[in-house]
N, C-alpha and C. Protein backbone atom coordinates (compact mmCIF):
# COMPACT_ATOMS: atom_id res chain seq x y z
N MET A 1 0.85 -1.20 0.00
CA MET A 1 0.00 0.00 0.00
C MET A 1 0.88 1.25 0.00
N THR A 2 0.60 2.18 -0.89
CA THR A 2 1.39 3.41 -0.98
C THR A 2 1.10 4.31 0.22
N ARG A 3 2.16 4.83 0.82
CA ARG A 3 1.96 5.76 1.93
C ARG A 3 1.39 7.08 1.40
N PRO A 4 0.66 7.82 2.24
CA PRO A 4 0.13 9.11 1.80
C PRO A 4 1.26 10.02 1.32
N ARG A 5 1.02 10.74 0.24
CA ARG A 5 2.07 11.58 -0.34
C ARG A 5 1.85 13.04 0.01
N VAL A 6 2.94 13.68 0.41
CA VAL A 6 2.94 15.11 0.70
C VAL A 6 3.95 15.79 -0.22
N HIS A 7 3.46 16.76 -1.00
CA HIS A 7 4.35 17.55 -1.85
C HIS A 7 4.74 18.82 -1.09
N ILE A 8 6.04 19.01 -0.88
CA ILE A 8 6.54 20.17 -0.15
C ILE A 8 7.19 21.11 -1.17
N VAL A 9 6.60 22.30 -1.31
CA VAL A 9 7.08 23.26 -2.32
C VAL A 9 7.57 24.50 -1.58
N ASP A 10 8.90 24.68 -1.53
CA ASP A 10 9.49 25.81 -0.80
C ASP A 10 10.87 26.08 -1.38
N ASP A 11 11.19 27.36 -1.60
CA ASP A 11 12.49 27.68 -2.18
C ASP A 11 13.59 27.79 -1.13
N ASP A 12 13.27 27.56 0.14
CA ASP A 12 14.27 27.56 1.21
C ASP A 12 14.64 26.11 1.51
N PRO A 13 15.89 25.69 1.18
CA PRO A 13 16.25 24.28 1.35
C PRO A 13 16.18 23.81 2.80
N ASP A 14 16.46 24.67 3.77
CA ASP A 14 16.40 24.26 5.18
C ASP A 14 14.97 23.92 5.59
N ILE A 15 14.02 24.77 5.20
CA ILE A 15 12.62 24.51 5.52
C ILE A 15 12.14 23.25 4.82
N ARG A 16 12.52 23.13 3.54
CA ARG A 16 12.15 21.96 2.75
C ARG A 16 12.62 20.67 3.43
N ASP A 17 13.89 20.65 3.79
CA ASP A 17 14.45 19.44 4.40
C ASP A 17 13.83 19.15 5.77
N GLY A 18 13.58 20.23 6.54
CA GLY A 18 12.97 20.04 7.86
C GLY A 18 11.57 19.46 7.76
N LEU A 19 10.78 19.96 6.83
CA LEU A 19 9.42 19.45 6.64
C LEU A 19 9.44 18.01 6.12
N ALA A 20 10.37 17.73 5.22
CA ALA A 20 10.49 16.37 4.69
C ALA A 20 10.83 15.39 5.81
N TRP A 21 11.74 15.79 6.70
CA TRP A 21 12.10 14.93 7.82
C TRP A 21 10.90 14.70 8.73
N LEU A 22 10.16 15.78 9.02
CA LEU A 22 8.99 15.68 9.88
C LEU A 22 7.98 14.68 9.33
N PHE A 23 7.62 14.82 8.07
CA PHE A 23 6.57 13.97 7.51
C PHE A 23 7.07 12.55 7.26
N ASP A 24 8.33 12.42 6.93
CA ASP A 24 8.88 11.08 6.76
C ASP A 24 8.85 10.32 8.09
N SER A 25 9.15 11.03 9.18
CA SER A 25 9.16 10.40 10.51
C SER A 25 7.76 10.01 10.95
N ARG A 26 6.73 10.61 10.36
CA ARG A 26 5.34 10.28 10.70
C ARG A 26 4.73 9.28 9.72
N GLY A 27 5.55 8.74 8.83
CA GLY A 27 5.06 7.70 7.94
C GLY A 27 4.48 8.17 6.62
N PHE A 28 4.73 9.43 6.26
CA PHE A 28 4.25 9.96 4.99
C PHE A 28 5.35 9.81 3.92
N GLN A 29 4.91 9.67 2.69
CA GLN A 29 5.84 9.68 1.57
C GLN A 29 5.93 11.12 1.06
N CYS A 30 7.14 11.64 0.97
CA CYS A 30 7.32 13.05 0.62
C CYS A 30 7.98 13.23 -0.73
N ALA A 31 7.60 14.31 -1.39
CA ALA A 31 8.31 14.77 -2.58
C ALA A 31 8.61 16.25 -2.34
N THR A 32 9.86 16.66 -2.53
CA THR A 32 10.22 18.06 -2.29
C THR A 32 10.54 18.76 -3.60
N TRP A 33 10.15 20.04 -3.66
CA TRP A 33 10.32 20.85 -4.87
C TRP A 33 10.89 22.20 -4.48
N ASP A 34 11.84 22.69 -5.26
CA ASP A 34 12.53 23.94 -4.90
C ASP A 34 11.80 25.19 -5.38
N GLY A 35 10.59 25.01 -5.91
CA GLY A 35 9.82 26.17 -6.35
C GLY A 35 8.64 25.76 -7.21
N GLY A 36 7.84 26.75 -7.57
CA GLY A 36 6.64 26.50 -8.36
C GLY A 36 6.89 25.86 -9.71
N PRO A 37 7.87 26.38 -10.50
CA PRO A 37 8.07 25.82 -11.84
C PRO A 37 8.38 24.32 -11.84
N SER A 38 9.29 23.87 -10.97
CA SER A 38 9.66 22.45 -10.97
C SER A 38 8.48 21.60 -10.48
N PHE A 39 7.74 22.10 -9.50
CA PHE A 39 6.57 21.38 -9.00
C PHE A 39 5.51 21.24 -10.08
N LEU A 40 5.23 22.32 -10.79
CA LEU A 40 4.22 22.27 -11.85
C LEU A 40 4.64 21.36 -12.99
N ASP A 41 5.93 21.34 -13.30
CA ASP A 41 6.43 20.40 -14.32
C ASP A 41 6.17 18.96 -13.88
N GLY A 42 6.41 18.68 -12.59
CA GLY A 42 6.16 17.34 -12.06
C GLY A 42 4.69 16.98 -12.11
N ALA A 43 3.83 17.96 -11.81
CA ALA A 43 2.38 17.72 -11.84
C ALA A 43 1.91 17.44 -13.26
N ARG A 44 2.41 18.22 -14.21
CA ARG A 44 2.01 18.02 -15.62
C ARG A 44 2.43 16.63 -16.12
N ALA A 45 3.58 16.16 -15.64
CA ALA A 45 4.10 14.88 -16.10
C ALA A 45 3.20 13.70 -15.69
N LEU A 46 2.32 13.92 -14.72
CA LEU A 46 1.42 12.85 -14.28
C LEU A 46 0.29 12.61 -15.27
N ASN A 47 0.06 13.57 -16.17
CA ASN A 47 -0.98 13.43 -17.20
C ASN A 47 -2.35 13.08 -16.61
N GLY A 48 -2.67 13.73 -15.49
CA GLY A 48 -4.00 13.54 -14.92
C GLY A 48 -4.14 12.35 -14.01
N ASP A 49 -3.09 11.53 -13.87
CA ASP A 49 -3.14 10.37 -12.97
C ASP A 49 -2.74 10.84 -11.57
N TRP A 50 -3.65 11.53 -10.89
CA TRP A 50 -3.27 12.31 -9.70
C TRP A 50 -3.01 11.47 -8.47
N GLY A 51 -3.78 10.43 -8.26
CA GLY A 51 -3.65 9.73 -6.99
C GLY A 51 -4.08 10.64 -5.84
N CYS A 52 -3.76 10.24 -4.62
CA CYS A 52 -4.16 10.99 -3.43
C CYS A 52 -2.93 11.67 -2.82
N ALA A 53 -2.98 12.98 -2.71
CA ALA A 53 -1.83 13.73 -2.18
C ALA A 53 -2.31 15.07 -1.66
N VAL A 54 -1.43 15.73 -0.91
CA VAL A 54 -1.70 17.08 -0.42
C VAL A 54 -0.44 17.92 -0.69
N VAL A 55 -0.64 19.22 -0.89
CA VAL A 55 0.47 20.11 -1.24
C VAL A 55 0.69 21.12 -0.10
N LEU A 56 1.93 21.19 0.39
CA LEU A 56 2.35 22.26 1.30
C LEU A 56 3.06 23.30 0.47
N LEU A 57 2.48 24.47 0.37
CA LEU A 57 2.96 25.47 -0.59
C LEU A 57 3.34 26.76 0.14
N ASP A 58 4.62 27.11 0.05
CA ASP A 58 5.06 28.36 0.66
C ASP A 58 4.48 29.54 -0.12
N MET A 59 4.00 30.55 0.59
CA MET A 59 3.37 31.68 -0.08
C MET A 59 4.37 32.57 -0.79
N ARG A 60 5.52 32.79 -0.13
CA ARG A 60 6.47 33.78 -0.66
C ARG A 60 7.65 33.05 -1.30
N MET A 61 7.59 32.90 -2.62
CA MET A 61 8.67 32.24 -3.37
C MET A 61 8.98 33.07 -4.61
N ALA A 62 10.17 32.84 -5.15
CA ALA A 62 10.58 33.45 -6.41
C ALA A 62 11.11 32.34 -7.32
N PRO A 63 10.95 32.45 -8.64
CA PRO A 63 10.32 33.55 -9.38
C PRO A 63 8.78 33.45 -9.43
N LEU A 64 8.24 32.31 -9.00
CA LEU A 64 6.78 32.11 -9.07
C LEU A 64 6.24 32.06 -7.64
N SER A 65 5.36 32.97 -7.29
CA SER A 65 4.82 33.01 -5.93
C SER A 65 3.93 31.80 -5.67
N GLY A 66 3.64 31.58 -4.38
CA GLY A 66 2.73 30.50 -4.03
C GLY A 66 1.36 30.69 -4.66
N SER A 67 0.87 31.92 -4.66
CA SER A 67 -0.45 32.20 -5.24
C SER A 67 -0.48 31.88 -6.73
N MET A 68 0.55 32.27 -7.45
CA MET A 68 0.59 32.00 -8.89
C MET A 68 0.74 30.50 -9.15
N THR A 69 1.53 29.84 -8.32
CA THR A 69 1.68 28.39 -8.47
C THR A 69 0.34 27.69 -8.26
N PHE A 70 -0.40 28.14 -7.26
CA PHE A 70 -1.72 27.56 -6.97
C PHE A 70 -2.68 27.77 -8.15
N GLU A 71 -2.68 28.97 -8.72
CA GLU A 71 -3.56 29.25 -9.85
C GLU A 71 -3.24 28.33 -11.03
N ARG A 72 -1.98 28.12 -11.29
CA ARG A 72 -1.58 27.26 -12.42
C ARG A 72 -1.89 25.79 -12.13
N LEU A 73 -1.78 25.40 -10.85
CA LEU A 73 -2.13 24.03 -10.48
C LEU A 73 -3.63 23.80 -10.69
N LYS A 74 -4.44 24.77 -10.30
CA LYS A 74 -5.89 24.68 -10.51
C LYS A 74 -6.22 24.55 -11.99
N ALA A 75 -5.47 25.28 -12.82
CA ALA A 75 -5.72 25.25 -14.26
C ALA A 75 -5.47 23.86 -14.85
N LEU A 76 -4.68 23.04 -14.15
CA LEU A 76 -4.43 21.67 -14.59
C LEU A 76 -5.53 20.71 -14.13
N SER A 77 -6.55 21.26 -13.42
CA SER A 77 -7.64 20.46 -12.84
C SER A 77 -7.11 19.44 -11.83
N CYS A 78 -6.08 19.84 -11.12
CA CYS A 78 -5.49 18.97 -10.09
C CYS A 78 -6.37 19.01 -8.84
N PRO A 79 -6.75 17.84 -8.29
CA PRO A 79 -7.65 17.81 -7.14
C PRO A 79 -6.96 17.88 -5.79
N TRP A 80 -5.64 17.95 -5.75
CA TRP A 80 -4.93 17.89 -4.48
C TRP A 80 -5.27 19.09 -3.59
N PRO A 81 -5.58 18.86 -2.31
CA PRO A 81 -5.75 19.99 -1.39
C PRO A 81 -4.43 20.73 -1.21
N VAL A 82 -4.51 22.06 -1.17
CA VAL A 82 -3.32 22.89 -1.01
C VAL A 82 -3.39 23.61 0.33
N LEU A 83 -2.33 23.43 1.13
CA LEU A 83 -2.21 24.09 2.42
C LEU A 83 -1.06 25.09 2.33
N PHE A 84 -1.39 26.37 2.43
CA PHE A 84 -0.37 27.41 2.32
C PHE A 84 0.36 27.60 3.65
N LEU A 85 1.67 27.78 3.56
CA LEU A 85 2.49 28.14 4.71
C LEU A 85 2.85 29.61 4.54
N THR A 86 2.45 30.44 5.51
CA THR A 86 2.55 31.89 5.31
C THR A 86 3.30 32.56 6.45
N GLY A 87 3.93 33.69 6.12
CA GLY A 87 4.43 34.60 7.13
C GLY A 87 3.31 35.56 7.51
N HIS A 88 3.54 36.34 8.56
CA HIS A 88 2.49 37.22 9.07
C HIS A 88 1.97 38.17 7.99
N GLY A 89 2.86 38.69 7.16
CA GLY A 89 2.45 39.66 6.16
C GLY A 89 1.68 39.08 4.99
N ASP A 90 1.59 37.75 4.94
CA ASP A 90 0.94 37.10 3.79
C ASP A 90 -0.45 36.55 4.12
N VAL A 91 -0.94 36.81 5.33
CA VAL A 91 -2.20 36.21 5.75
C VAL A 91 -3.36 36.64 4.85
N GLY A 92 -3.39 37.92 4.48
CA GLY A 92 -4.46 38.41 3.61
C GLY A 92 -4.48 37.68 2.28
N THR A 93 -3.29 37.47 1.71
CA THR A 93 -3.18 36.75 0.44
C THR A 93 -3.63 35.30 0.60
N ALA A 94 -3.27 34.70 1.75
CA ALA A 94 -3.64 33.30 1.99
C ALA A 94 -5.15 33.16 2.14
N VAL A 95 -5.78 34.10 2.83
CA VAL A 95 -7.24 34.07 2.98
C VAL A 95 -7.91 34.14 1.61
N ALA A 96 -7.38 35.02 0.76
CA ALA A 96 -7.92 35.14 -0.60
C ALA A 96 -7.77 33.82 -1.36
N ALA A 97 -6.63 33.14 -1.16
CA ALA A 97 -6.40 31.86 -1.84
C ALA A 97 -7.39 30.80 -1.36
N VAL A 98 -7.70 30.81 -0.06
CA VAL A 98 -8.68 29.85 0.47
C VAL A 98 -10.05 30.10 -0.17
N LYS A 99 -10.39 31.36 -0.35
CA LYS A 99 -11.66 31.69 -1.00
C LYS A 99 -11.67 31.22 -2.46
N GLN A 100 -10.48 31.06 -3.04
CA GLN A 100 -10.37 30.59 -4.42
C GLN A 100 -10.23 29.07 -4.52
N GLY A 101 -10.32 28.39 -3.34
CA GLY A 101 -10.32 26.93 -3.40
C GLY A 101 -9.19 26.24 -2.69
N ALA A 102 -8.24 27.00 -2.11
CA ALA A 102 -7.18 26.35 -1.33
C ALA A 102 -7.79 25.70 -0.10
N TRP A 103 -7.15 24.65 0.41
CA TRP A 103 -7.70 23.91 1.54
C TRP A 103 -7.64 24.74 2.82
N ASP A 104 -6.48 25.34 3.10
CA ASP A 104 -6.29 26.08 4.35
C ASP A 104 -4.94 26.78 4.30
N PHE A 105 -4.64 27.53 5.35
CA PHE A 105 -3.29 28.09 5.48
C PHE A 105 -2.86 28.01 6.94
N LEU A 106 -1.56 27.99 7.15
CA LEU A 106 -0.99 27.92 8.49
C LEU A 106 0.08 29.00 8.58
N GLU A 107 -0.01 29.80 9.63
CA GLU A 107 0.92 30.91 9.77
C GLU A 107 2.18 30.46 10.51
N LYS A 108 3.33 30.85 9.99
CA LYS A 108 4.60 30.55 10.64
C LYS A 108 4.79 31.48 11.84
N PRO A 109 5.45 31.01 12.91
CA PRO A 109 5.88 29.62 13.14
C PRO A 109 4.70 28.77 13.59
N PHE A 110 4.68 27.52 13.17
CA PHE A 110 3.57 26.63 13.51
C PHE A 110 4.11 25.43 14.29
N GLN A 111 3.23 24.76 14.99
CA GLN A 111 3.62 23.56 15.72
C GLN A 111 3.58 22.36 14.78
N ASP A 112 4.56 21.49 14.93
CA ASP A 112 4.64 20.32 14.05
C ASP A 112 3.37 19.48 14.10
N ASN A 113 2.86 19.23 15.30
CA ASN A 113 1.67 18.38 15.43
C ASN A 113 0.47 19.01 14.75
N GLU A 114 0.35 20.34 14.86
CA GLU A 114 -0.78 21.01 14.21
C GLU A 114 -0.69 20.88 12.70
N LEU A 115 0.52 21.03 12.16
CA LEU A 115 0.71 20.90 10.72
C LEU A 115 0.37 19.49 10.25
N VAL A 116 0.88 18.49 10.97
CA VAL A 116 0.61 17.10 10.59
C VAL A 116 -0.89 16.81 10.67
N ASP A 117 -1.56 17.32 11.72
CA ASP A 117 -3.01 17.12 11.83
C ASP A 117 -3.75 17.72 10.64
N ARG A 118 -3.36 18.93 10.24
CA ARG A 118 -4.04 19.59 9.11
C ARG A 118 -3.83 18.78 7.83
N VAL A 119 -2.62 18.28 7.65
CA VAL A 119 -2.33 17.49 6.45
C VAL A 119 -3.14 16.20 6.45
N GLN A 120 -3.26 15.55 7.61
CA GLN A 120 -4.06 14.31 7.70
C GLN A 120 -5.53 14.59 7.37
N GLN A 121 -6.05 15.72 7.86
CA GLN A 121 -7.43 16.10 7.56
C GLN A 121 -7.61 16.33 6.05
N ALA A 122 -6.65 17.01 5.44
CA ALA A 122 -6.72 17.28 4.00
C ALA A 122 -6.67 15.99 3.19
N LEU A 123 -5.80 15.07 3.61
CA LEU A 123 -5.69 13.79 2.91
C LEU A 123 -6.97 12.98 3.04
N ALA A 124 -7.59 13.01 4.23
CA ALA A 124 -8.85 12.28 4.43
C ALA A 124 -9.93 12.83 3.51
N ALA A 125 -9.99 14.16 3.38
CA ALA A 125 -10.97 14.78 2.50
C ALA A 125 -10.70 14.43 1.04
N ALA A 126 -9.41 14.43 0.66
CA ALA A 126 -9.04 14.09 -0.72
C ALA A 126 -9.40 12.64 -1.04
N SER A 127 -9.16 11.75 -0.07
CA SER A 127 -9.46 10.33 -0.28
C SER A 127 -10.97 10.11 -0.43
N ALA A 128 -11.76 10.81 0.40
CA ALA A 128 -13.22 10.68 0.31
C ALA A 128 -13.73 11.19 -1.04
N ALA A 129 -13.17 12.31 -1.49
CA ALA A 129 -13.59 12.87 -2.78
C ALA A 129 -13.23 11.93 -3.91
N GLN A 130 -12.05 11.32 -3.81
CA GLN A 130 -11.59 10.38 -4.85
C GLN A 130 -12.52 9.16 -4.90
N GLN A 131 -12.94 8.66 -3.73
CA GLN A 131 -13.85 7.52 -3.70
C GLN A 131 -15.21 7.88 -4.27
N ASP A 132 -15.68 9.09 -3.96
CA ASP A 132 -16.96 9.56 -4.53
C ASP A 132 -16.89 9.63 -6.05
N ASP A 133 -15.76 10.14 -6.56
CA ASP A 133 -15.58 10.23 -8.01
C ASP A 133 -15.58 8.85 -8.65
N SER A 134 -14.91 7.89 -8.00
CA SER A 134 -14.84 6.53 -8.53
C SER A 134 -16.22 5.88 -8.54
N GLU A 135 -16.98 6.09 -7.46
CA GLU A 135 -18.33 5.51 -7.38
C GLU A 135 -19.26 6.14 -8.42
N THR A 136 -19.14 7.46 -8.61
CA THR A 136 -19.96 8.13 -9.62
C THR A 136 -19.65 7.59 -11.01
N GLN A 137 -18.37 7.41 -11.30
CA GLN A 137 -17.97 6.87 -12.61
C GLN A 137 -18.50 5.45 -12.78
N ARG A 138 -18.43 4.65 -11.72
CA ARG A 138 -18.93 3.27 -11.80
C ARG A 138 -20.43 3.24 -12.08
N LEU A 139 -21.18 4.11 -11.40
CA LEU A 139 -22.63 4.16 -11.60
C LEU A 139 -22.98 4.58 -13.03
N ARG A 140 -22.24 5.56 -13.55
CA ARG A 140 -22.50 5.99 -14.93
C ARG A 140 -22.27 4.85 -15.91
N GLN A 141 -21.18 4.11 -15.71
CA GLN A 141 -20.88 3.00 -16.61
C GLN A 141 -21.94 1.90 -16.47
N ALA A 142 -22.40 1.68 -15.23
CA ALA A 142 -23.43 0.66 -15.01
C ALA A 142 -24.72 1.04 -15.72
N LEU A 143 -25.09 2.31 -15.65
CA LEU A 143 -26.30 2.77 -16.35
C LEU A 143 -26.19 2.54 -17.85
N LEU A 144 -25.01 2.85 -18.39
CA LEU A 144 -24.81 2.68 -19.83
C LEU A 144 -24.88 1.21 -20.25
N SER A 145 -24.61 0.31 -19.29
CA SER A 145 -24.60 -1.12 -19.63
C SER A 145 -26.01 -1.73 -19.63
N LEU A 146 -27.01 -0.97 -19.16
CA LEU A 146 -28.37 -1.49 -19.13
C LEU A 146 -28.96 -1.54 -20.54
N SER A 147 -29.75 -2.60 -20.79
CA SER A 147 -30.46 -2.71 -22.07
C SER A 147 -31.62 -1.72 -22.08
N PRO A 148 -32.18 -1.41 -23.26
CA PRO A 148 -33.35 -0.52 -23.31
C PRO A 148 -34.50 -1.01 -22.42
N ARG A 149 -34.76 -2.32 -22.41
CA ARG A 149 -35.84 -2.85 -21.57
C ARG A 149 -35.49 -2.69 -20.09
N GLU A 150 -34.22 -2.92 -19.74
CA GLU A 150 -33.81 -2.75 -18.34
C GLU A 150 -33.96 -1.29 -17.91
N ARG A 151 -33.71 -0.37 -18.81
CA ARG A 151 -33.90 1.05 -18.48
C ARG A 151 -35.37 1.35 -18.21
N GLU A 152 -36.25 0.73 -19.00
CA GLU A 152 -37.69 0.92 -18.79
C GLU A 152 -38.11 0.38 -17.42
N VAL A 153 -37.61 -0.80 -17.08
CA VAL A 153 -37.94 -1.40 -15.78
C VAL A 153 -37.36 -0.55 -14.65
N LEU A 154 -36.14 -0.07 -14.84
CA LEU A 154 -35.52 0.79 -13.83
C LEU A 154 -36.36 2.04 -13.57
N ASP A 155 -36.82 2.68 -14.64
CA ASP A 155 -37.65 3.88 -14.47
C ASP A 155 -38.91 3.58 -13.67
N GLU A 156 -39.49 2.42 -13.90
CA GLU A 156 -40.69 2.03 -13.14
C GLU A 156 -40.34 1.74 -11.68
N LEU A 157 -39.21 1.08 -11.47
CA LEU A 157 -38.81 0.73 -10.10
C LEU A 157 -38.61 1.97 -9.23
N VAL A 158 -37.93 2.98 -9.78
CA VAL A 158 -37.62 4.16 -8.96
C VAL A 158 -38.87 5.02 -8.74
N ARG A 159 -39.93 4.74 -9.47
CA ARG A 159 -41.20 5.42 -9.20
C ARG A 159 -41.98 4.69 -8.10
N GLY A 160 -41.43 3.57 -7.64
CA GLY A 160 -42.07 2.84 -6.54
C GLY A 160 -43.08 1.82 -6.99
N HIS A 161 -43.08 1.47 -8.28
CA HIS A 161 -44.07 0.51 -8.78
C HIS A 161 -43.65 -0.93 -8.46
N TYR A 162 -44.64 -1.79 -8.23
CA TYR A 162 -44.39 -3.19 -7.96
C TYR A 162 -44.28 -3.97 -9.26
N ASN A 163 -43.75 -5.20 -9.13
CA ASN A 163 -43.52 -6.02 -10.32
C ASN A 163 -44.78 -6.18 -11.18
N LYS A 164 -45.93 -6.45 -10.52
CA LYS A 164 -47.16 -6.69 -11.29
C LYS A 164 -47.57 -5.43 -12.07
N ASN A 165 -47.44 -4.24 -11.41
CA ASN A 165 -47.77 -2.98 -12.10
C ASN A 165 -46.83 -2.73 -13.27
N ILE A 166 -45.55 -3.02 -13.03
CA ILE A 166 -44.56 -2.82 -14.10
C ILE A 166 -44.87 -3.74 -15.27
N ALA A 167 -45.23 -4.98 -14.96
CA ALA A 167 -45.58 -5.94 -16.02
C ALA A 167 -46.76 -5.44 -16.84
N ASP A 168 -47.77 -4.92 -16.16
CA ASP A 168 -48.95 -4.39 -16.87
C ASP A 168 -48.58 -3.19 -17.73
N HIS A 169 -47.76 -2.28 -17.17
CA HIS A 169 -47.38 -1.07 -17.91
C HIS A 169 -46.57 -1.39 -19.17
N LEU A 170 -45.69 -2.38 -19.04
CA LEU A 170 -44.77 -2.68 -20.14
C LEU A 170 -45.24 -3.82 -21.03
N GLY A 171 -46.34 -4.46 -20.65
CA GLY A 171 -46.87 -5.55 -21.47
C GLY A 171 -46.01 -6.79 -21.45
N ILE A 172 -45.39 -7.08 -20.28
CA ILE A 172 -44.56 -8.28 -20.13
C ILE A 172 -45.03 -9.01 -18.87
N THR A 173 -44.51 -10.22 -18.64
CA THR A 173 -44.95 -11.00 -17.49
C THR A 173 -44.19 -10.57 -16.23
N PRO A 174 -44.79 -10.75 -15.05
CA PRO A 174 -44.09 -10.45 -13.80
C PRO A 174 -42.76 -11.22 -13.68
N ARG A 175 -42.74 -12.43 -14.20
CA ARG A 175 -41.49 -13.22 -14.16
C ARG A 175 -40.39 -12.53 -14.95
N THR A 176 -40.76 -11.96 -16.11
CA THR A 176 -39.77 -11.24 -16.92
C THR A 176 -39.31 -9.98 -16.20
N VAL A 177 -40.25 -9.31 -15.55
CA VAL A 177 -39.88 -8.12 -14.76
C VAL A 177 -38.87 -8.51 -13.69
N GLU A 178 -39.11 -9.60 -13.00
CA GLU A 178 -38.21 -10.06 -11.93
C GLU A 178 -36.81 -10.36 -12.50
N PHE A 179 -36.78 -10.95 -13.70
CA PHE A 179 -35.50 -11.24 -14.35
C PHE A 179 -34.73 -9.95 -14.62
N HIS A 180 -35.41 -8.95 -15.18
CA HIS A 180 -34.76 -7.67 -15.47
C HIS A 180 -34.36 -6.95 -14.18
N ARG A 181 -35.22 -7.01 -13.18
CA ARG A 181 -34.95 -6.39 -11.90
C ARG A 181 -33.67 -6.95 -11.28
N SER A 182 -33.54 -8.26 -11.33
CA SER A 182 -32.34 -8.93 -10.79
C SER A 182 -31.08 -8.47 -11.52
N ASN A 183 -31.18 -8.37 -12.85
CA ASN A 183 -30.03 -7.91 -13.64
C ASN A 183 -29.66 -6.46 -13.31
N ILE A 184 -30.69 -5.63 -13.16
CA ILE A 184 -30.46 -4.21 -12.85
C ILE A 184 -29.75 -4.08 -11.50
N PHE A 185 -30.25 -4.81 -10.49
CA PHE A 185 -29.65 -4.73 -9.15
C PHE A 185 -28.18 -5.18 -9.19
N GLU A 186 -27.92 -6.24 -9.94
CA GLU A 186 -26.55 -6.75 -10.03
C GLU A 186 -25.63 -5.74 -10.71
N LYS A 187 -26.07 -5.18 -11.83
CA LYS A 187 -25.23 -4.23 -12.57
C LYS A 187 -25.00 -2.93 -11.78
N MET A 188 -26.03 -2.48 -11.07
CA MET A 188 -25.92 -1.22 -10.33
C MET A 188 -25.30 -1.39 -8.95
N GLY A 189 -25.13 -2.64 -8.52
CA GLY A 189 -24.51 -2.89 -7.22
C GLY A 189 -25.41 -2.52 -6.05
N VAL A 190 -26.71 -2.81 -6.18
CA VAL A 190 -27.67 -2.48 -5.11
C VAL A 190 -28.46 -3.74 -4.74
N SER A 191 -29.17 -3.67 -3.58
CA SER A 191 -29.95 -4.82 -3.14
C SER A 191 -31.43 -4.49 -2.97
N SER A 192 -31.81 -3.23 -3.24
CA SER A 192 -33.22 -2.86 -3.12
C SER A 192 -33.54 -1.68 -4.03
N ALA A 193 -34.83 -1.49 -4.29
CA ALA A 193 -35.25 -0.36 -5.12
C ALA A 193 -34.96 0.97 -4.43
N ILE A 194 -35.06 0.98 -3.08
CA ILE A 194 -34.76 2.21 -2.32
C ILE A 194 -33.30 2.60 -2.51
N GLU A 195 -32.41 1.62 -2.37
CA GLU A 195 -30.97 1.88 -2.55
C GLU A 195 -30.70 2.35 -3.97
N LEU A 196 -31.39 1.74 -4.93
CA LEU A 196 -31.24 2.15 -6.33
C LEU A 196 -31.64 3.62 -6.51
N ALA A 197 -32.76 4.01 -5.92
CA ALA A 197 -33.23 5.40 -6.04
C ALA A 197 -32.24 6.37 -5.41
N HIS A 198 -31.67 5.99 -4.25
CA HIS A 198 -30.68 6.84 -3.58
C HIS A 198 -29.45 7.05 -4.47
N LYS A 199 -28.97 5.96 -5.07
CA LYS A 199 -27.76 6.06 -5.89
C LYS A 199 -28.03 6.88 -7.15
N LEU A 200 -29.18 6.71 -7.74
CA LEU A 200 -29.51 7.51 -8.94
C LEU A 200 -29.67 8.98 -8.57
N GLY A 201 -30.21 9.25 -7.39
CA GLY A 201 -30.33 10.63 -6.93
C GLY A 201 -28.98 11.28 -6.75
N ARG A 202 -28.05 10.52 -6.18
CA ARG A 202 -26.69 11.05 -5.99
C ARG A 202 -26.02 11.29 -7.34
N LEU A 203 -26.27 10.39 -8.28
CA LEU A 203 -25.68 10.53 -9.61
C LEU A 203 -26.21 11.79 -10.30
N GLN A 204 -27.50 12.05 -10.16
CA GLN A 204 -28.10 13.24 -10.77
C GLN A 204 -27.55 14.53 -10.14
N SER A 205 -27.24 14.47 -8.83
CA SER A 205 -26.74 15.67 -8.15
C SER A 205 -25.33 16.02 -8.56
N THR A 206 -24.60 15.06 -9.17
CA THR A 206 -23.23 15.35 -9.60
C THR A 206 -23.15 15.69 -11.08
N SER A 207 -24.27 15.58 -11.78
CA SER A 207 -24.23 15.83 -13.24
C SER A 207 -24.70 17.24 -13.56
């Protein structure tokens, strides 16, 4: 199992190395970057295969600031939560970045345990979002795999109709309805019409 990955982006080698040591000692897999350009090059090289990770991004860097690096990362549709590390004078900029979608910011000097806790929270959120995305994709593919008749039966099921009513509406036997119903439940990964309705509702809310 791959350990959680933390990307540390800071142009100060001492801070970079210190953070890498901290997270490595807590069981995280770290990647360190000496600035925005090298980090963004590494992100682009993944070609959208993001996996689960969190980014620790220093606000004040040259030649590319933390804010500019974040904007360019967003433009790549990267889902990684970004936690800004800021000095006192950068808090206003960090707040603005959070409003633009950054996960959070932490003002220097910070406590190691607090930083690790924030990163763990961000990773948990990223993992949950990734699972939701995977489940949504699976449901879409399952829907596409249904036959036209199965789609008709599905529409009747989510309206709360019973097998006999569905058979009458569609001009088929209750036994045939039961056959299609069983196939639908298997393909959609559900065990009841209620569960099916819930999953379809969630799918509609993401489209």
